[in-house]
N, C-alpha and C. Protein backbone atom coordinates (compact mmCIF):
# COMPACT_ATOMS: atom_id res chain seq x y z
N MET A 1 140.82 12.10 142.73
CA MET A 1 140.96 13.05 143.81
C MET A 1 139.76 12.93 144.74
N ILE A 2 140.03 12.90 146.03
CA ILE A 2 138.98 12.84 147.04
C ILE A 2 138.84 14.23 147.65
N ILE A 3 137.60 14.70 147.73
CA ILE A 3 137.32 16.03 148.26
C ILE A 3 136.35 15.91 149.42
N ALA A 4 136.75 16.45 150.58
CA ALA A 4 135.89 16.47 151.76
C ALA A 4 135.11 17.78 151.78
N LEU A 5 133.84 17.70 152.07
CA LEU A 5 133.00 18.89 152.12
C LEU A 5 132.25 18.95 153.43
N GLY A 6 132.10 20.18 153.94
CA GLY A 6 131.33 20.39 155.15
C GLY A 6 130.75 21.79 155.16
N SER A 7 129.62 21.92 155.84
CA SER A 7 128.98 23.22 155.96
C SER A 7 128.14 23.27 157.23
N ASP A 8 127.77 24.49 157.58
CA ASP A 8 126.73 24.65 158.59
C ASP A 8 125.41 24.89 157.85
N HIS A 9 124.38 25.25 158.60
CA HIS A 9 123.06 25.47 158.01
C HIS A 9 123.06 26.60 156.98
N GLY A 10 123.88 27.64 157.20
CA GLY A 10 123.95 28.76 156.27
C GLY A 10 124.62 28.41 154.95
N GLY A 11 125.38 27.34 154.94
CA GLY A 11 126.05 26.90 153.72
C GLY A 11 125.50 25.63 153.14
N PHE A 12 124.44 25.10 153.76
CA PHE A 12 123.89 23.81 153.37
C PHE A 12 123.54 23.73 151.89
N ASP A 13 122.78 24.70 151.39
CA ASP A 13 122.35 24.65 149.98
C ASP A 13 123.55 24.76 149.04
N THR A 14 124.49 25.64 149.35
CA THR A 14 125.69 25.78 148.52
C THR A 14 126.50 24.50 148.53
N LYS A 15 126.68 23.92 149.71
CA LYS A 15 127.43 22.65 149.81
C LYS A 15 126.79 21.59 148.92
N ASN A 16 125.49 21.49 148.93
CA ASN A 16 124.83 20.48 148.11
C ASN A 16 125.03 20.74 146.62
N LEU A 17 125.02 22.01 146.21
CA LEU A 17 125.32 22.33 144.82
C LEU A 17 126.73 21.87 144.46
N VAL A 18 127.68 22.12 145.37
CA VAL A 18 129.08 21.74 145.12
C VAL A 18 129.23 20.23 145.09
N VAL A 19 128.58 19.53 146.00
CA VAL A 19 128.63 18.06 146.02
C VAL A 19 128.16 17.51 144.68
N ASN A 20 127.03 17.98 144.21
CA ASN A 20 126.48 17.49 142.93
C ASN A 20 127.40 17.84 141.77
N TYR A 21 127.93 19.05 141.77
CA TYR A 21 128.86 19.48 140.72
C TYR A 21 130.09 18.57 140.69
N LEU A 22 130.66 18.32 141.84
CA LEU A 22 131.88 17.49 141.91
C LEU A 22 131.61 16.06 141.47
N LYS A 23 130.49 15.51 141.89
CA LYS A 23 130.15 14.15 141.47
C LYS A 23 129.96 14.07 139.97
N GLU A 24 129.31 15.08 139.38
CA GLU A 24 129.14 15.12 137.93
C GLU A 24 130.47 15.18 137.20
N LYS A 25 131.48 15.79 137.83
CA LYS A 25 132.80 15.92 137.23
C LYS A 25 133.68 14.70 137.52
N GLY A 26 133.16 13.73 138.26
CA GLY A 26 133.88 12.49 138.50
C GLY A 26 134.74 12.45 139.75
N TYR A 27 134.62 13.43 140.62
CA TYR A 27 135.39 13.44 141.86
C TYR A 27 134.73 12.55 142.91
N GLU A 28 135.55 11.97 143.77
CA GLU A 28 135.03 11.25 144.93
C GLU A 28 134.79 12.27 146.03
N VAL A 29 133.61 12.23 146.62
CA VAL A 29 133.20 13.24 147.59
C VAL A 29 132.94 12.60 148.95
N LYS A 30 133.48 13.23 150.00
CA LYS A 30 133.15 12.87 151.38
C LYS A 30 132.36 14.03 151.97
N ASP A 31 131.05 13.89 152.00
CA ASP A 31 130.16 14.92 152.54
C ASP A 31 129.94 14.63 154.02
N ILE A 32 130.54 15.45 154.87
CA ILE A 32 130.46 15.19 156.31
C ILE A 32 129.32 15.98 156.98
N GLY A 33 128.50 16.65 156.20
CA GLY A 33 127.38 17.40 156.75
C GLY A 33 127.66 18.88 156.76
N CYS A 34 126.73 19.59 157.26
CA CYS A 34 125.48 19.24 157.91
C CYS A 34 124.48 18.72 156.88
N ASN A 35 123.36 18.26 157.40
CA ASN A 35 122.41 17.59 156.53
C ASN A 35 121.05 18.26 156.45
N SER A 36 120.97 19.52 156.89
CA SER A 36 119.71 20.26 156.80
C SER A 36 119.99 21.74 157.04
N THR A 37 118.95 22.53 156.96
CA THR A 37 119.08 23.96 157.24
C THR A 37 118.79 24.27 158.71
N ASP A 38 118.67 23.24 159.54
CA ASP A 38 118.49 23.45 160.98
C ASP A 38 119.78 24.03 161.56
N SER A 39 119.64 24.97 162.46
CA SER A 39 120.80 25.64 163.04
C SER A 39 121.79 24.64 163.63
N CYS A 40 123.07 24.85 163.34
CA CYS A 40 124.13 24.01 163.87
C CYS A 40 125.41 24.84 163.98
N ASP A 41 126.46 24.26 164.50
CA ASP A 41 127.68 24.99 164.80
C ASP A 41 128.75 24.76 163.73
N TYR A 42 129.08 25.82 162.98
CA TYR A 42 130.05 25.73 161.89
C TYR A 42 131.42 25.22 162.31
N PRO A 43 131.92 25.51 163.55
CA PRO A 43 133.27 25.03 163.87
C PRO A 43 133.40 23.51 163.79
N LEU A 44 132.35 22.80 164.14
CA LEU A 44 132.43 21.34 164.12
C LEU A 44 132.72 20.82 162.71
N PHE A 45 132.11 21.44 161.70
CA PHE A 45 132.27 20.98 160.33
C PHE A 45 133.58 21.48 159.72
N GLY A 46 133.97 22.69 160.05
CA GLY A 46 135.26 23.19 159.58
C GLY A 46 136.41 22.39 160.15
N LEU A 47 136.34 22.09 161.44
CA LEU A 47 137.39 21.30 162.08
C LEU A 47 137.44 19.89 161.51
N GLU A 48 136.28 19.28 161.29
CA GLU A 48 136.27 17.90 160.78
C GLU A 48 136.83 17.82 159.36
N VAL A 49 136.45 18.74 158.50
CA VAL A 49 137.02 18.75 157.15
C VAL A 49 138.53 18.94 157.25
N GLY A 50 138.97 19.86 158.09
CA GLY A 50 140.41 20.06 158.28
C GLY A 50 141.11 18.79 158.73
N GLU A 51 140.54 18.09 159.67
CA GLU A 51 141.14 16.83 160.16
C GLU A 51 141.20 15.78 159.06
N ILE A 52 140.16 15.70 158.25
CA ILE A 52 140.12 14.71 157.17
C ILE A 52 141.22 15.01 156.15
N VAL A 53 141.40 16.28 155.81
CA VAL A 53 142.43 16.65 154.84
C VAL A 53 143.82 16.48 155.45
N ALA A 54 144.00 16.94 156.68
CA ALA A 54 145.31 16.84 157.34
C ALA A 54 145.76 15.39 157.51
N SER A 55 144.81 14.49 157.72
CA SER A 55 145.14 13.07 157.91
C SER A 55 145.21 12.31 156.58
N LYS A 56 145.09 13.03 155.46
CA LYS A 56 145.21 12.46 154.12
C LYS A 56 144.07 11.50 153.74
N GLN A 57 142.94 11.61 154.44
CA GLN A 57 141.76 10.85 154.05
C GLN A 57 141.06 11.50 152.86
N ALA A 58 141.44 12.75 152.58
CA ALA A 58 140.96 13.47 151.40
C ALA A 58 142.13 14.32 150.90
N ASP A 59 142.12 14.61 149.61
CA ASP A 59 143.19 15.41 149.02
C ASP A 59 143.02 16.90 149.32
N ILE A 60 141.79 17.36 149.24
CA ILE A 60 141.47 18.74 149.56
C ILE A 60 140.10 18.80 150.22
N GLY A 61 139.76 19.98 150.72
CA GLY A 61 138.46 20.18 151.34
C GLY A 61 137.80 21.45 150.85
N ILE A 62 136.49 21.48 150.99
CA ILE A 62 135.70 22.67 150.71
C ILE A 62 134.73 22.83 151.86
N VAL A 63 134.71 24.04 152.44
CA VAL A 63 133.83 24.33 153.57
C VAL A 63 132.98 25.55 153.26
N VAL A 64 131.76 25.56 153.80
CA VAL A 64 130.82 26.64 153.50
C VAL A 64 130.04 27.02 154.76
N CYS A 65 129.99 28.32 155.02
CA CYS A 65 129.03 28.87 155.99
C CYS A 65 128.45 30.12 155.35
N THR A 66 127.66 30.87 156.06
CA THR A 66 126.99 32.03 155.46
C THR A 66 127.98 32.97 154.79
N THR A 67 129.04 33.36 155.50
CA THR A 67 130.04 34.28 154.93
C THR A 67 131.32 33.57 154.52
N GLY A 68 131.53 32.36 154.98
CA GLY A 68 132.78 31.64 154.74
C GLY A 68 133.85 31.97 155.76
N VAL A 69 133.65 33.00 156.55
CA VAL A 69 134.67 33.46 157.49
C VAL A 69 134.81 32.51 158.67
N GLY A 70 133.74 32.26 159.38
CA GLY A 70 133.81 31.43 160.58
C GLY A 70 134.33 30.04 160.33
N ILE A 71 133.81 29.41 159.29
CA ILE A 71 134.21 28.03 159.00
C ILE A 71 135.65 27.97 158.52
N SER A 72 136.13 29.04 157.85
CA SER A 72 137.55 29.06 157.44
C SER A 72 138.46 29.22 158.65
N ILE A 73 138.05 30.01 159.61
CA ILE A 73 138.83 30.15 160.85
C ILE A 73 138.93 28.80 161.54
N ALA A 74 137.81 28.09 161.63
CA ALA A 74 137.81 26.78 162.28
C ALA A 74 138.74 25.80 161.55
N ALA A 75 138.61 25.73 160.23
CA ALA A 75 139.46 24.80 159.45
C ALA A 75 140.93 25.13 159.65
N ASN A 76 141.26 26.40 159.71
CA ASN A 76 142.66 26.82 159.85
C ASN A 76 143.25 26.52 161.23
N LYS A 77 142.44 26.12 162.17
CA LYS A 77 142.94 25.71 163.49
C LYS A 77 143.60 24.33 163.45
N VAL A 78 143.34 23.58 162.40
CA VAL A 78 143.90 22.24 162.28
C VAL A 78 145.31 22.33 161.71
N LYS A 79 146.26 21.71 162.40
CA LYS A 79 147.65 21.71 161.96
C LYS A 79 147.76 21.17 160.53
N GLY A 80 148.45 21.92 159.69
CA GLY A 80 148.66 21.49 158.31
C GLY A 80 147.63 22.01 157.33
N ILE A 81 146.62 22.71 157.82
CA ILE A 81 145.58 23.22 156.93
C ILE A 81 145.87 24.67 156.59
N ARG A 82 145.70 24.96 155.30
CA ARG A 82 145.76 26.33 154.79
C ARG A 82 144.45 26.54 154.03
N CYS A 83 143.49 27.13 154.72
CA CYS A 83 142.16 27.35 154.16
C CYS A 83 142.05 28.79 153.70
N GLY A 84 141.67 28.97 152.44
CA GLY A 84 141.48 30.30 151.88
C GLY A 84 140.03 30.55 151.54
N LEU A 85 139.57 31.74 151.88
CA LEU A 85 138.21 32.16 151.57
C LEU A 85 138.20 32.86 150.21
N ALA A 86 137.39 32.36 149.30
CA ALA A 86 137.35 32.93 147.95
C ALA A 86 135.93 33.35 147.58
N TRP A 87 135.84 34.58 147.07
CA TRP A 87 134.56 35.13 146.61
C TRP A 87 134.51 35.22 145.09
N ASN A 88 135.63 34.91 144.44
CA ASN A 88 135.64 34.91 142.97
C ASN A 88 136.71 33.94 142.49
N PRO A 89 136.67 33.57 141.21
CA PRO A 89 137.61 32.57 140.69
C PRO A 89 139.07 32.98 140.78
N THR A 90 139.36 34.25 140.62
CA THR A 90 140.75 34.70 140.67
C THR A 90 141.34 34.47 142.05
N ILE A 91 140.59 34.82 143.08
CA ILE A 91 141.08 34.59 144.44
C ILE A 91 141.25 33.09 144.69
N ALA A 92 140.30 32.29 144.23
CA ALA A 92 140.40 30.83 144.40
C ALA A 92 141.66 30.29 143.74
N LYS A 93 141.96 30.78 142.55
CA LYS A 93 143.15 30.34 141.82
C LYS A 93 144.42 30.70 142.60
N TYR A 94 144.47 31.91 143.09
CA TYR A 94 145.67 32.35 143.82
C TYR A 94 145.78 31.70 145.20
N CYS A 95 144.67 31.30 145.78
CA CYS A 95 144.74 30.53 147.04
C CYS A 95 145.63 29.30 146.84
N ARG A 96 145.45 28.65 145.70
CA ARG A 96 146.25 27.46 145.40
C ARG A 96 147.64 27.81 144.89
N MET A 97 147.72 28.74 143.94
CA MET A 97 148.98 29.05 143.27
C MET A 97 150.01 29.67 144.22
N HIS A 98 149.57 30.54 145.09
CA HIS A 98 150.51 31.27 145.94
C HIS A 98 150.56 30.79 147.38
N ASN A 99 149.48 30.17 147.86
CA ASN A 99 149.42 29.78 149.27
C ASN A 99 149.32 28.28 149.47
N ASP A 100 149.27 27.52 148.40
CA ASP A 100 149.14 26.06 148.47
C ASP A 100 147.98 25.66 149.38
N CYS A 101 146.87 26.38 149.26
CA CYS A 101 145.71 26.07 150.10
C CYS A 101 145.21 24.66 149.80
N ASN A 102 144.88 23.96 150.86
CA ASN A 102 144.34 22.62 150.71
C ASN A 102 142.87 22.56 151.10
N VAL A 103 142.32 23.70 151.52
CA VAL A 103 140.89 23.81 151.80
C VAL A 103 140.41 25.15 151.25
N LEU A 104 139.26 25.12 150.59
CA LEU A 104 138.60 26.30 150.06
C LEU A 104 137.38 26.59 150.91
N ALA A 105 137.23 27.85 151.31
CA ALA A 105 136.02 28.28 152.02
C ALA A 105 135.18 29.15 151.08
N LEU A 106 133.87 28.94 151.12
CA LEU A 106 132.95 29.69 150.29
C LEU A 106 131.89 30.36 151.16
N PRO A 107 131.46 31.57 150.77
CA PRO A 107 130.33 32.21 151.43
C PRO A 107 129.02 31.70 150.83
N GLY A 108 128.25 30.99 151.60
CA GLY A 108 127.05 30.36 151.07
C GLY A 108 125.93 31.29 150.68
N LYS A 109 125.91 32.47 151.27
CA LYS A 109 124.78 33.36 151.05
C LYS A 109 125.00 34.38 149.93
N TYR A 110 126.22 34.57 149.49
CA TYR A 110 126.54 35.72 148.66
C TYR A 110 127.02 35.39 147.25
N LEU A 111 126.84 34.16 146.81
CA LEU A 111 127.29 33.76 145.48
C LEU A 111 126.15 33.15 144.69
N SER A 112 126.14 33.41 143.39
CA SER A 112 125.18 32.74 142.52
C SER A 112 125.67 31.31 142.26
N GLU A 113 124.79 30.50 141.74
CA GLU A 113 125.17 29.13 141.40
C GLU A 113 126.32 29.11 140.40
N GLU A 114 126.25 29.97 139.39
CA GLU A 114 127.31 30.04 138.39
C GLU A 114 128.64 30.45 139.03
N GLU A 115 128.61 31.43 139.92
CA GLU A 115 129.84 31.87 140.59
C GLU A 115 130.44 30.75 141.42
N ILE A 116 129.60 30.00 142.08
CA ILE A 116 130.08 28.87 142.90
C ILE A 116 130.85 27.89 142.04
N TYR A 117 130.28 27.51 140.91
CA TYR A 117 130.93 26.54 140.04
C TYR A 117 132.24 27.09 139.48
N GLU A 118 132.26 28.35 139.11
CA GLU A 118 133.48 28.96 138.57
C GLU A 118 134.58 29.00 139.61
N ILE A 119 134.23 29.31 140.86
CA ILE A 119 135.22 29.37 141.93
C ILE A 119 135.79 27.99 142.22
N VAL A 120 134.92 27.01 142.34
CA VAL A 120 135.37 25.64 142.62
C VAL A 120 136.25 25.13 141.48
N LYS A 121 135.84 25.38 140.26
CA LYS A 121 136.63 24.96 139.10
C LYS A 121 138.02 25.61 139.11
N ALA A 122 138.07 26.90 139.38
CA ALA A 122 139.36 27.60 139.42
C ALA A 122 140.26 27.03 140.51
N PHE A 123 139.70 26.74 141.67
CA PHE A 123 140.48 26.17 142.77
C PHE A 123 141.03 24.80 142.40
N LEU A 124 140.19 23.97 141.81
CA LEU A 124 140.60 22.61 141.47
C LEU A 124 141.63 22.57 140.34
N GLU A 125 141.56 23.49 139.41
CA GLU A 125 142.47 23.47 138.27
C GLU A 125 143.81 24.13 138.55
N ALA A 126 143.88 24.98 139.56
CA ALA A 126 145.13 25.68 139.86
C ALA A 126 146.12 24.76 140.56
N GLU A 127 147.39 25.04 140.36
CA GLU A 127 148.45 24.27 141.02
C GLU A 127 149.41 25.23 141.71
N PHE A 128 149.96 24.76 142.80
CA PHE A 128 150.92 25.56 143.56
C PHE A 128 152.14 25.85 142.70
N GLU A 129 152.56 27.12 142.67
CA GLU A 129 153.69 27.54 141.85
C GLU A 129 155.04 27.28 142.50
N GLY A 130 155.07 27.10 143.80
CA GLY A 130 156.36 26.91 144.47
C GLY A 130 157.20 28.17 144.38
N GLY A 131 158.50 28.02 144.16
CA GLY A 131 159.40 29.16 144.04
C GLY A 131 159.35 30.06 145.26
N ARG A 132 159.24 31.36 145.04
CA ARG A 132 159.22 32.32 146.16
C ARG A 132 158.05 32.07 147.10
N HIS A 133 156.98 31.46 146.60
CA HIS A 133 155.81 31.17 147.42
C HIS A 133 156.09 30.02 148.39
N GLN A 134 156.97 29.10 147.99
CA GLN A 134 157.31 27.98 148.86
C GLN A 134 157.93 28.49 150.17
N ARG A 135 158.77 29.49 150.07
CA ARG A 135 159.41 30.05 151.26
C ARG A 135 158.34 30.54 152.26
N ARG A 136 157.32 31.16 151.76
CA ARG A 136 156.26 31.68 152.62
C ARG A 136 155.43 30.57 153.23
N VAL A 137 155.12 29.56 152.43
CA VAL A 137 154.38 28.41 152.95
C VAL A 137 155.23 27.69 154.00
N ASP A 138 156.54 27.60 153.78
CA ASP A 138 157.43 26.99 154.76
C ASP A 138 157.40 27.74 156.09
N ILE A 139 157.33 29.06 156.04
CA ILE A 139 157.23 29.84 157.28
C ILE A 139 155.95 29.49 158.03
N ILE A 140 154.85 29.40 157.31
CA ILE A 140 153.58 29.01 157.93
C ILE A 140 153.69 27.61 158.52
N ASN A 141 154.26 26.68 157.76
CA ASN A 141 154.41 25.31 158.23
C ASN A 141 155.33 25.22 159.44
N GLN A 142 156.36 26.02 159.48
CA GLN A 142 157.27 26.03 160.63
C GLN A 142 156.52 26.45 161.89
N TYR A 143 155.68 27.46 161.77
CA TYR A 143 154.89 27.89 162.93
C TYR A 143 153.98 26.78 163.39
N ASP A 144 153.39 26.06 162.44
CA ASP A 144 152.54 24.92 162.76
C ASP A 144 153.28 23.91 163.63
N ARG A 145 154.53 23.62 163.28
CA ARG A 145 155.30 22.61 164.00
C ARG A 145 155.71 23.10 165.39
N GLU A 146 155.83 24.40 165.57
CA GLU A 146 156.31 24.93 166.84
C GLU A 146 155.22 25.02 167.90
N ARG A 147 153.98 24.90 167.50
CA ARG A 147 152.89 25.04 168.48
C ARG A 147 152.76 23.83 169.34
């Protein structure tokens, strides 16, 4: 599985923790930046991760900014992306199970290292349930095609 990662300066340290965690677990990682804690614009990284996932250059994406909100909004602007913001493992699991999210957003400032790993693990291990949830994802996808 190939995972694209991106963050702004507020998510830089968290992104690096996730990159190292994923590499230790044997995942292929595409780290598109940012590369320091110098101020930068989160939309650029959220959009790029979204484009990489939407174009199938990566299977899923993980994006990080201070709260996870801004970068998730940016990623969700890309056609075909369903980015969910998760603050705990249960939400991360349901992002995948019920919404077929292909990008996970994390709040870089508000999680411990242990929480970060638990959330990422839950997201990666969960699978889309389909069924009644497929109908809802289809509605979202239909709107994507109509724009």
